PDB file of N, CA and C in Angstrom:
ATOM      1  N   MET A   1       1.588   7.918 -17.976  1.00  0.00           N
ATOM      2  CA  MET A   1       0.794   8.221 -16.758  1.00  0.00           C
ATOM      3  C   MET A   1       1.354   9.486 -16.141  1.00  0.00           C
ATOM      4  N   ASN A   2       0.465  10.433 -15.802  1.00  0.00           N
ATOM      5  CA  ASN A   2       0.839  11.679 -15.129  1.00  0.00           C
ATOM      6  C   ASN A   2       0.587  11.436 -13.656  1.00  0.00           C
ATOM      7  N   SER A   3       1.584  11.580 -12.852  1.00  0.00           N
ATOM      8  CA  SER A   3       1.420  11.446 -11.453  1.00  0.00           C
ATOM      9  C   SER A   3       1.743  12.779 -10.730  1.00  0.00           C
ATOM     10  N   SER A   4       1.037  12.972  -9.644  1.00  0.00           N
ATOM     11  CA  SER A   4       1.241  14.225  -8.926  1.00  0.00           C
ATOM     12  C   SER A   4       2.508  14.110  -8.115  1.00  0.00           C
ATOM     13  N   PRO A   5       3.056  15.262  -7.728  1.00  0.00           N
ATOM     14  CA  PRO A   5       4.330  15.210  -7.027  1.00  0.00           C
ATOM     15  C   PRO A   5       4.245  14.472  -5.665  1.00  0.00           C
ATOM     16  N   GLU A   6       3.142  14.402  -5.082  1.00  0.00           N
ATOM     17  CA  GLU A   6       2.963  13.784  -3.843  1.00  0.00           C
ATOM     18  C   GLU A   6       2.657  12.308  -3.946  1.00  0.00           C
ATOM     19  N   GLU A   7       2.251  11.824  -5.093  1.00  0.00           N
ATOM     20  CA  GLU A   7       1.828  10.455  -5.295  1.00  0.00           C
ATOM     21  C   GLU A   7       3.050   9.633  -5.153  1.00  0.00           C
ATOM     22  N   ARG A   8       2.913   8.501  -4.397  1.00  0.00           N
ATOM     23  CA  ARG A   8       4.056   7.537  -4.198  1.00  0.00           C
ATOM     24  C   ARG A   8       3.532   6.105  -4.223  1.00  0.00           C
ATOM     25  N   SER A   9       4.413   5.205  -4.144  1.00  0.00           N
ATOM     26  CA  SER A   9       4.059   3.826  -4.087  1.00  0.00           C
ATOM     27  C   SER A   9       3.807   3.499  -2.562  1.00  0.00           C
ATOM     28  N   LEU A  10       3.001   2.476  -2.335  1.00  0.00           N
ATOM     29  CA  LEU A  10       2.751   2.002  -1.012  1.00  0.00           C
ATOM     30  C   LEU A  10       4.023   1.568  -0.303  1.00  0.00           C
ATOM     31  N   PHE A  11       4.948   0.995  -1.076  1.00  0.00           N
ATOM     32  CA  PHE A  11       6.215   0.508  -0.485  1.00  0.00           C
ATOM     33  C   PHE A  11       7.042   1.676   0.082  1.00  0.00           C
ATOM     34  N   ASP A  12       6.872   2.932  -0.360  1.00  0.00           N
ATOM     35  CA  ASP A  12       7.592   4.075   0.136  1.00  0.00           C
ATOM     36  C   ASP A  12       7.254   4.527   1.535  1.00  0.00           C
ATOM     37  N   LEU A  13       6.073   4.056   2.032  1.00  0.00           N
ATOM     38  CA  LEU A  13       5.677   4.453   3.390  1.00  0.00           C
ATOM     39  C   LEU A  13       6.633   3.764   4.432  1.00  0.00           C
ATOM     40  N   THR A  14       7.000   4.513   5.443  1.00  0.00           N
ATOM     41  CA  THR A  14       7.750   3.960   6.525  1.00  0.00           C
ATOM     42  C   THR A  14       6.817   3.621   7.653  1.00  0.00           C
ATOM     43  N   PRO A  15       7.200   2.731   8.558  1.00  0.00           N
ATOM     44  CA  PRO A  15       6.317   2.342   9.662  1.00  0.00           C
ATOM     45  C   PRO A  15       5.824   3.563  10.404  1.00  0.00           C
ATOM     46  N   GLY A  16       4.511   3.580  10.594  1.00  0.00           N
ATOM     47  CA  GLY A  16       3.826   4.714  11.252  1.00  0.00           C
ATOM     48  C   GLY A  16       3.241   5.675  10.355  1.00  0.00           C
ATOM     49  N   GLN A  17       3.592   5.673   9.074  1.00  0.00           N
ATOM     50  CA  GLN A  17       2.984   6.529   8.069  1.00  0.00           C
ATOM     51  C   GLN A  17       1.744   5.961   7.498  1.00  0.00           C
ATOM     52  N   THR A  18       0.867   6.791   7.062  1.00  0.00           N
ATOM     53  CA  THR A  18      -0.440   6.349   6.394  1.00  0.00           C
ATOM     54  C   THR A  18      -0.531   7.001   5.019  1.00  0.00           C
ATOM     55  N   GLY A  19      -1.443   6.472   4.271  1.00  0.00           N
ATOM     56  CA  GLY A  19      -1.686   6.997   2.993  1.00  0.00           C
ATOM     57  C   GLY A  19      -3.100   6.563   2.454  1.00  0.00           C
ATOM     58  N   VAL A  20      -3.605   7.144   1.477  1.00  0.00           N
ATOM     59  CA  VAL A  20      -4.822   6.735   0.832  1.00  0.00           C
ATOM     60  C   VAL A  20      -4.559   6.161  -0.502  1.00  0.00           C
ATOM     61  N   VAL A  21      -5.168   4.966  -0.772  1.00  0.00           N
ATOM     62  CA  VAL A  21      -4.973   4.324  -2.067  1.00  0.00           C
ATOM     63  C   VAL A  21      -5.605   5.146  -3.119  1.00  0.00           C
ATOM     64  N   LEU A  22      -4.773   5.304  -4.211  1.00  0.00           N
ATOM     65  CA  LEU A  22      -5.267   6.028  -5.425  1.00  0.00           C
ATOM     66  C   LEU A  22      -5.598   5.014  -6.547  1.00  0.00           C
ATOM     67  N   ASN A  23      -4.643   4.090  -6.736  1.00  0.00           N
ATOM     68  CA  ASN A  23      -4.784   3.259  -7.948  1.00  0.00           C
ATOM     69  C   ASN A  23      -3.924   1.976  -7.777  1.00  0.00           C
ATOM     70  N   LEU A  24      -4.466   0.885  -8.293  1.00  0.00           N
ATOM     71  CA  LEU A  24      -3.691  -0.332  -8.298  1.00  0.00           C
ATOM     72  C   LEU A  24      -3.254  -0.651  -9.700  1.00  0.00           C
ATOM     73  N   GLN A  25      -1.975  -0.756  -9.939  1.00  0.00           N
ATOM     74  CA  GLN A  25      -1.447  -0.980 -11.286  1.00  0.00           C
ATOM     75  C   GLN A  25      -1.023  -2.470 -11.363  1.00  0.00           C
ATOM     76  N   ILE A  26      -1.902  -3.300 -10.856  1.00  0.00           N
ATOM     77  CA  ILE A  26      -1.688  -4.750 -10.833  1.00  0.00           C
ATOM     78  C   ILE A  26      -2.892  -5.371 -11.503  1.00  0.00           C
ATOM     79  N   HIS A  27      -2.596  -6.525 -12.176  1.00  0.00           N
ATOM     80  CA  HIS A  27      -3.649  -7.228 -12.926  1.00  0.00           C
ATOM     81  C   HIS A  27      -3.773  -8.694 -12.477  1.00  0.00           C
ATOM     82  N   GLY A  28      -4.806  -9.313 -12.919  1.00  0.00           N
ATOM     83  CA  GLY A  28      -5.010 -10.773 -12.722  1.00  0.00           C
ATOM     84  C   GLY A  28      -5.379 -11.152 -11.326  1.00  0.00           C
ATOM     85  N   LEU A  29      -4.932 -12.288 -10.854  1.00  0.00           N
ATOM     86  CA  LEU A  29      -5.385 -12.782  -9.562  1.00  0.00           C
ATOM     87  C   LEU A  29      -4.883 -11.972  -8.372  1.00  0.00           C
ATOM     88  N   THR A  30      -3.742 -11.429  -8.550  1.00  0.00           N
ATOM     89  CA  THR A  30      -3.187 -10.532  -7.494  1.00  0.00           C
ATOM     90  C   THR A  30      -4.027  -9.383  -7.242  1.00  0.00           C
ATOM     91  N   ARG A  31      -4.501  -8.686  -8.324  1.00  0.00           N
ATOM     92  CA  ARG A  31      -5.389  -7.577  -8.282  1.00  0.00           C
ATOM     93  C   ARG A  31      -6.702  -7.968  -7.539  1.00  0.00           C
ATOM     94  N   ARG A  32      -7.294  -9.118  -7.962  1.00  0.00           N
ATOM     95  CA  ARG A  32      -8.523  -9.620  -7.353  1.00  0.00           C
ATOM     96  C   ARG A  32      -8.394  -9.836  -5.895  1.00  0.00           C
ATOM     97  N   ARG A  33      -7.241 -10.417  -5.465  1.00  0.00           N
ATOM     98  CA  ARG A  33      -7.000 -10.706  -4.076  1.00  0.00           C
ATOM     99  C   ARG A  33      -6.919  -9.391  -3.265  1.00  0.00           C
ATOM    100  N   LEU A  34      -6.188  -8.422  -3.773  1.00  0.00           N
ATOM    101  CA  LEU A  34      -6.048  -7.157  -3.127  1.00  0.00           C
ATOM    102  C   LEU A  34      -7.385  -6.444  -3.002  1.00  0.00           C
ATOM    103  N   LEU A  35      -8.165  -6.477  -4.056  1.00  0.00           N
ATOM    104  CA  LEU A  35      -9.531  -5.859  -4.038  1.00  0.00           C
ATOM    105  C   LEU A  35     -10.405  -6.505  -2.986  1.00  0.00           C
ATOM    106  N   ASP A  36     -10.301  -7.870  -2.945  1.00  0.00           N
ATOM    107  CA  ASP A  36     -11.097  -8.638  -1.956  1.00  0.00           C
ATOM    108  C   ASP A  36     -10.689  -8.291  -0.523  1.00  0.00           C
ATOM    109  N   LEU A  37      -9.475  -7.970  -0.320  1.00  0.00           N
ATOM    110  CA  LEU A  37      -8.971  -7.560   0.988  1.00  0.00           C
ATOM    111  C   LEU A  37      -9.335  -6.150   1.417  1.00  0.00           C
ATOM    112  N   GLY A  38      -9.864  -5.388   0.437  1.00  0.00           N
ATOM    113  CA  GLY A  38     -10.251  -4.003   0.712  1.00  0.00           C
ATOM    114  C   GLY A  38      -9.284  -3.003   0.214  1.00  0.00           C
ATOM    115  N   MET A  39      -8.302  -3.308  -0.549  1.00  0.00           N
ATOM    116  CA  MET A  39      -7.354  -2.395  -1.124  1.00  0.00           C
ATOM    117  C   MET A  39      -7.909  -1.785  -2.333  1.00  0.00           C
ATOM    118  N   VAL A  40      -8.835  -0.829  -2.105  1.00  0.00           N
ATOM    119  CA  VAL A  40      -9.599  -0.108  -3.154  1.00  0.00           C
ATOM    120  C   VAL A  40      -9.304   1.367  -3.050  1.00  0.00           C
ATOM    121  N   PRO A  41      -9.432   2.142  -4.168  1.00  0.00           N
ATOM    122  CA  PRO A  41      -9.191   3.558  -4.077  1.00  0.00           C
ATOM    123  C   PRO A  41     -10.033   4.178  -2.986  1.00  0.00           C
ATOM    124  N   GLY A  42      -9.369   5.104  -2.204  1.00  0.00           N
ATOM    125  CA  GLY A  42      -9.981   5.771  -1.125  1.00  0.00           C
ATOM    126  C   GLY A  42      -9.760   5.190   0.207  1.00  0.00           C
ATOM    127  N   THR A  43      -9.218   3.967   0.276  1.00  0.00           N
ATOM    128  CA  THR A  43      -8.918   3.246   1.492  1.00  0.00           C
ATOM    129  C   THR A  43      -7.680   3.816   2.155  1.00  0.00           C
ATOM    130  N   ARG A  44      -7.718   4.064   3.503  1.00  0.00           N
ATOM    131  CA  ARG A  44      -6.570   4.444   4.269  1.00  0.00           C
ATOM    132  C   ARG A  44      -5.786   3.211   4.591  1.00  0.00           C
ATOM    133  N   VAL A  45      -4.451   3.345   4.445  1.00  0.00           N
ATOM    134  CA  VAL A  45      -3.499   2.237   4.698  1.00  0.00           C
ATOM    135  C   VAL A  45      -2.386   2.748   5.609  1.00  0.00           C
ATOM    136  N   GLU A  46      -1.988   2.011   6.610  1.00  0.00           N
ATOM    137  CA  GLU A  46      -0.978   2.361   7.482  1.00  0.00           C
ATOM    138  C   GLU A  46       0.166   1.327   7.388  1.00  0.00           C
ATOM    139  N   ALA A  47       1.383   1.831   7.201  1.00  0.00           N
ATOM    140  CA  ALA A  47       2.598   0.937   7.235  1.00  0.00           C
ATOM    141  C   ALA A  47       2.904   0.570   8.679  1.00  0.00           C
ATOM    142  N   LEU A  48       2.922  -0.696   8.951  1.00  0.00           N
ATOM    143  CA  LEU A  48       3.226  -1.246  10.350  1.00  0.00           C
ATOM    144  C   LEU A  48       4.663  -1.558  10.615  1.00  0.00           C
ATOM    145  N   ARG A  49       5.175  -2.414   9.843  1.00  0.00           N
ATOM    146  CA  ARG A  49       6.593  -2.903  10.039  1.00  0.00           C
ATOM    147  C   ARG A  49       7.052  -3.583   8.781  1.00  0.00           C
ATOM    148  N   ARG A  50       8.383  -3.780   8.828  1.00  0.00           N
ATOM    149  CA  ARG A  50       8.967  -4.532   7.683  1.00  0.00           C
ATOM    150  C   ARG A  50       9.779  -5.716   8.250  1.00  0.00           C
ATOM    151  N   SER A  51       9.960  -6.715   7.443  1.00  0.00           N
ATOM    152  CA  SER A  51      10.661  -7.824   7.910  1.00  0.00           C
ATOM    153  C   SER A  51      12.147  -7.480   8.063  1.00  0.00           C
ATOM    154  N   PRO A  52      12.929  -8.253   8.825  1.00  0.00           N
ATOM    155  CA  PRO A  52      14.283  -7.928   9.038  1.00  0.00           C
ATOM    156  C   PRO A  52      15.109  -7.760   7.728  1.00  0.00           C
ATOM    157  N   ALA A  53      14.718  -8.466   6.689  1.00  0.00           N
ATOM    158  CA  ALA A  53      15.390  -8.358   5.422  1.00  0.00           C
ATOM    159  C   ALA A  53      14.872  -7.187   4.586  1.00  0.00           C
ATOM    160  N   GLY A  54      13.735  -6.510   5.021  1.00  0.00           N
ATOM    161  CA  GLY A  54      13.137  -5.422   4.295  1.00  0.00           C
ATOM    162  C   GLY A  54      11.989  -5.756   3.436  1.00  0.00           C
ATOM    163  N   ASP A  55      11.795  -7.023   3.151  1.00  0.00           N
ATOM    164  CA  ASP A  55      10.750  -7.434   2.212  1.00  0.00           C
ATOM    165  C   ASP A  55      10.248  -8.734   2.717  1.00  0.00           C
ATOM    166  N   PRO A  56       8.971  -8.921   2.999  1.00  0.00           N
ATOM    167  CA  PRO A  56       7.825  -8.029   2.803  1.00  0.00           C
ATOM    168  C   PRO A  56       7.644  -7.026   3.925  1.00  0.00           C
ATOM    169  N   LYS A  57       6.620  -6.101   3.701  1.00  0.00           N
ATOM    170  CA  LYS A  57       6.283  -5.174   4.753  1.00  0.00           C
ATOM    171  C   LYS A  57       4.817  -5.453   5.124  1.00  0.00           C
ATOM    172  N   ALA A  58       4.426  -5.101   6.342  1.00  0.00           N
ATOM    173  CA  ALA A  58       3.086  -5.286   6.877  1.00  0.00           C
ATOM    174  C   ALA A  58       2.371  -4.041   6.859  1.00  0.00           C
ATOM    175  N   TYR A  59       1.067  -4.048   6.413  1.00  0.00           N
ATOM    176  CA  TYR A  59       0.209  -2.874   6.408  1.00  0.00           C
ATOM    177  C   TYR A  59      -1.140  -3.212   7.056  1.00  0.00           C
ATOM    178  N   ARG A  60      -1.717  -2.104   7.640  1.00  0.00           N
ATOM    179  CA  ARG A  60      -3.129  -2.292   8.214  1.00  0.00           C
ATOM    180  C   ARG A  60      -4.098  -1.556   7.314  1.00  0.00           C
ATOM    181  N   LEU A  61      -5.116  -2.265   6.962  1.00  0.00           N
ATOM    182  CA  LEU A  61      -6.178  -1.594   6.197  1.00  0.00           C
ATOM    183  C   LEU A  61      -7.572  -2.214   6.605  1.00  0.00           C
ATOM    184  N   ARG A  62      -8.517  -1.390   6.867  1.00  0.00           N
ATOM    185  CA  ARG A  62      -9.875  -1.857   7.143  1.00  0.00           C
ATOM    186  C   ARG A  62      -9.835  -2.893   8.243  1.00  0.00           C
ATOM    187  N   GLY A  63      -9.034  -2.646   9.262  1.00  0.00           N
ATOM    188  CA  GLY A  63      -8.978  -3.547  10.478  1.00  0.00           C
ATOM    189  C   GLY A  63      -8.207  -4.827  10.339  1.00  0.00           C
ATOM    190  N   SER A  64      -7.571  -5.067   9.130  1.00  0.00           N
ATOM    191  CA  SER A  64      -6.827  -6.279   8.889  1.00  0.00           C
ATOM    192  C   SER A  64      -5.319  -5.893   8.702  1.00  0.00           C
ATOM    193  N   VAL A  65      -4.468  -6.858   8.889  1.00  0.00           N
ATOM    194  CA  VAL A  65      -3.043  -6.703   8.678  1.00  0.00           C
ATOM    195  C   VAL A  65      -2.657  -7.650   7.486  1.00  0.00           C
ATOM    196  N   ILE A  66      -2.094  -7.089   6.498  1.00  0.00           N
ATOM    197  CA  ILE A  66      -1.587  -7.891   5.340  1.00  0.00           C
ATOM    198  C   ILE A  66      -0.142  -7.641   5.109  1.00  0.00           C
ATOM    199  N   ALA A  67       0.557  -8.579   4.574  1.00  0.00           N
ATOM    200  CA  ALA A  67       1.948  -8.439   4.163  1.00  0.00           C
ATOM    201  C   ALA A  67       2.034  -8.449   2.642  1.00  0.00           C
ATOM    202  N   LEU A  68       2.830  -7.518   2.123  1.00  0.00           N
ATOM    203  CA  LEU A  68       3.034  -7.436   0.653  1.00  0.00           C
ATOM    204  C   LEU A  68       4.466  -7.356   0.350  1.00  0.00           C
ATOM    205  N   ARG A  69       4.816  -8.044  -0.676  1.00  0.00           N
ATOM    206  CA  ARG A  69       6.245  -7.968  -1.185  1.00  0.00           C
ATOM    207  C   ARG A  69       6.413  -6.700  -1.913  1.00  0.00           C
ATOM    208  N   GLU A  70       7.631  -6.286  -2.006  1.00  0.00           N
ATOM    209  CA  GLU A  70       8.036  -4.980  -2.706  1.00  0.00           C
ATOM    210  C   GLU A  70       7.412  -4.878  -4.076  1.00  0.00           C
ATOM    211  N   GLU A  71       7.505  -5.985  -4.891  1.00  0.00           N
ATOM    212  CA  GLU A  71       7.019  -5.898  -6.243  1.00  0.00           C
ATOM    213  C   GLU A  71       5.483  -5.586  -6.307  1.00  0.00           C
ATOM    214  N   GLU A  72       4.717  -6.047  -5.338  1.00  0.00           N
ATOM    215  CA  GLU A  72       3.272  -5.740  -5.263  1.00  0.00           C
ATOM    216  C   GLU A  72       3.050  -4.306  -4.764  1.00  0.00           C
ATOM    217  N   ALA A  73       3.678  -3.991  -3.614  1.00  0.00           N
ATOM    218  CA  ALA A  73       3.505  -2.717  -2.946  1.00  0.00           C
ATOM    219  C   ALA A  73       3.967  -1.538  -3.919  1.00  0.00           C
ATOM    220  N   ARG A  74       4.951  -1.758  -4.695  1.00  0.00           N
ATOM    221  CA  ARG A  74       5.377  -0.655  -5.583  1.00  0.00           C
ATOM    222  C   ARG A  74       4.315  -0.365  -6.646  1.00  0.00           C
ATOM    223  N   ARG A  75       3.454  -1.264  -6.899  1.00  0.00           N
ATOM    224  CA  ARG A  75       2.432  -1.114  -7.974  1.00  0.00           C
ATOM    225  C   ARG A  75       1.083  -0.619  -7.439  1.00  0.00           C
ATOM    226  N   ILE A  76       1.095  -0.196  -6.101  1.00  0.00           N
ATOM    227  CA  ILE A  76      -0.074   0.389  -5.524  1.00  0.00           C
ATOM    228  C   ILE A  76       0.234   1.866  -5.313  1.00  0.00           C
ATOM    229  N   LEU A  77      -0.426   2.754  -5.917  1.00  0.00           N
ATOM    230  CA  LEU A  77      -0.159   4.176  -5.799  1.00  0.00           C
ATOM    231  C   LEU A  77      -1.016   4.740  -4.684  1.00  0.00           C
ATOM    232  N   ILE A  78      -0.353   5.525  -3.841  1.00  0.00           N
ATOM    233  CA  ILE A  78      -1.075   6.188  -2.690  1.00  0.00           C
ATOM    234  C   ILE A  78      -0.745   7.677  -2.642  1.00  0.00           C
ATOM    235  N   LEU A  79      -1.556   8.398  -1.901  1.00  0.00           N
ATOM    236  CA  LEU A  79      -1.374   9.762  -1.549  1.00  0.00           C
ATOM    237  C   LEU A  79      -0.960   9.721  -0.053  1.00  0.00           C
ATOM    238  N   PRO A  80       0.312  10.055   0.273  1.00  0.00           N
ATOM    239  CA  PRO A  80       0.744   9.996   1.682  1.00  0.00           C
ATOM    240  C   PRO A  80      -0.104  10.866   2.542  1.00  0.00           C
ATOM    241  N   GLY A  81      -0.283  10.424   3.832  1.00  0.00           N
ATOM    242  CA  GLY A  81      -0.974  11.173   4.782  1.00  0.00           C
ATOM    243  C   GLY A  81      -0.118  11.488   5.983  1.00  0.00           C
ATOM    244  N   GLU A  82      -0.782  11.586   7.126  1.00  0.00           N
ATOM    245  CA  GLU A  82      -0.023  11.935   8.341  1.00  0.00           C
ATOM    246  C   GLU A  82       0.667  10.776   8.996  1.00  0.00           C
ATOM    247  N   ARG A  83       1.720  11.104   9.810  1.00  0.00           N
ATOM    248  CA  ARG A  83       2.372  10.017  10.584  1.00  0.00           C
ATOM    249  C   ARG A  83       1.634   9.823  11.883  1.00  0.00           C
ATOM    250  N   ASN A  84       1.343   8.562  12.232  1.00  0.00           N
ATOM    251  CA  ASN A  84       0.589   8.275  13.482  1.00  0.00           C
ATOM    252  C   ASN A  84       1.519   8.294  14.689  1.00  0.00           C
TER     253      ASN A  84
END
């Protein structure tokens, strides 16, 4: 896979940062669940907060807040955007 220098995983966003979903490298039921929640290429995602232990993290997308564990968030590629 060729990735651009700016491309990162969703997990790399810190609270207040946003990014645009590029690709989901997840398969099966987890992929279906994320797609149903609106985690599709082109969607803007904002990192909100992380749990005290650091995993999971909360993200806002399409008006909803979802929590993802590190293993899931690392498999979602994003193009980082501006800090809110």
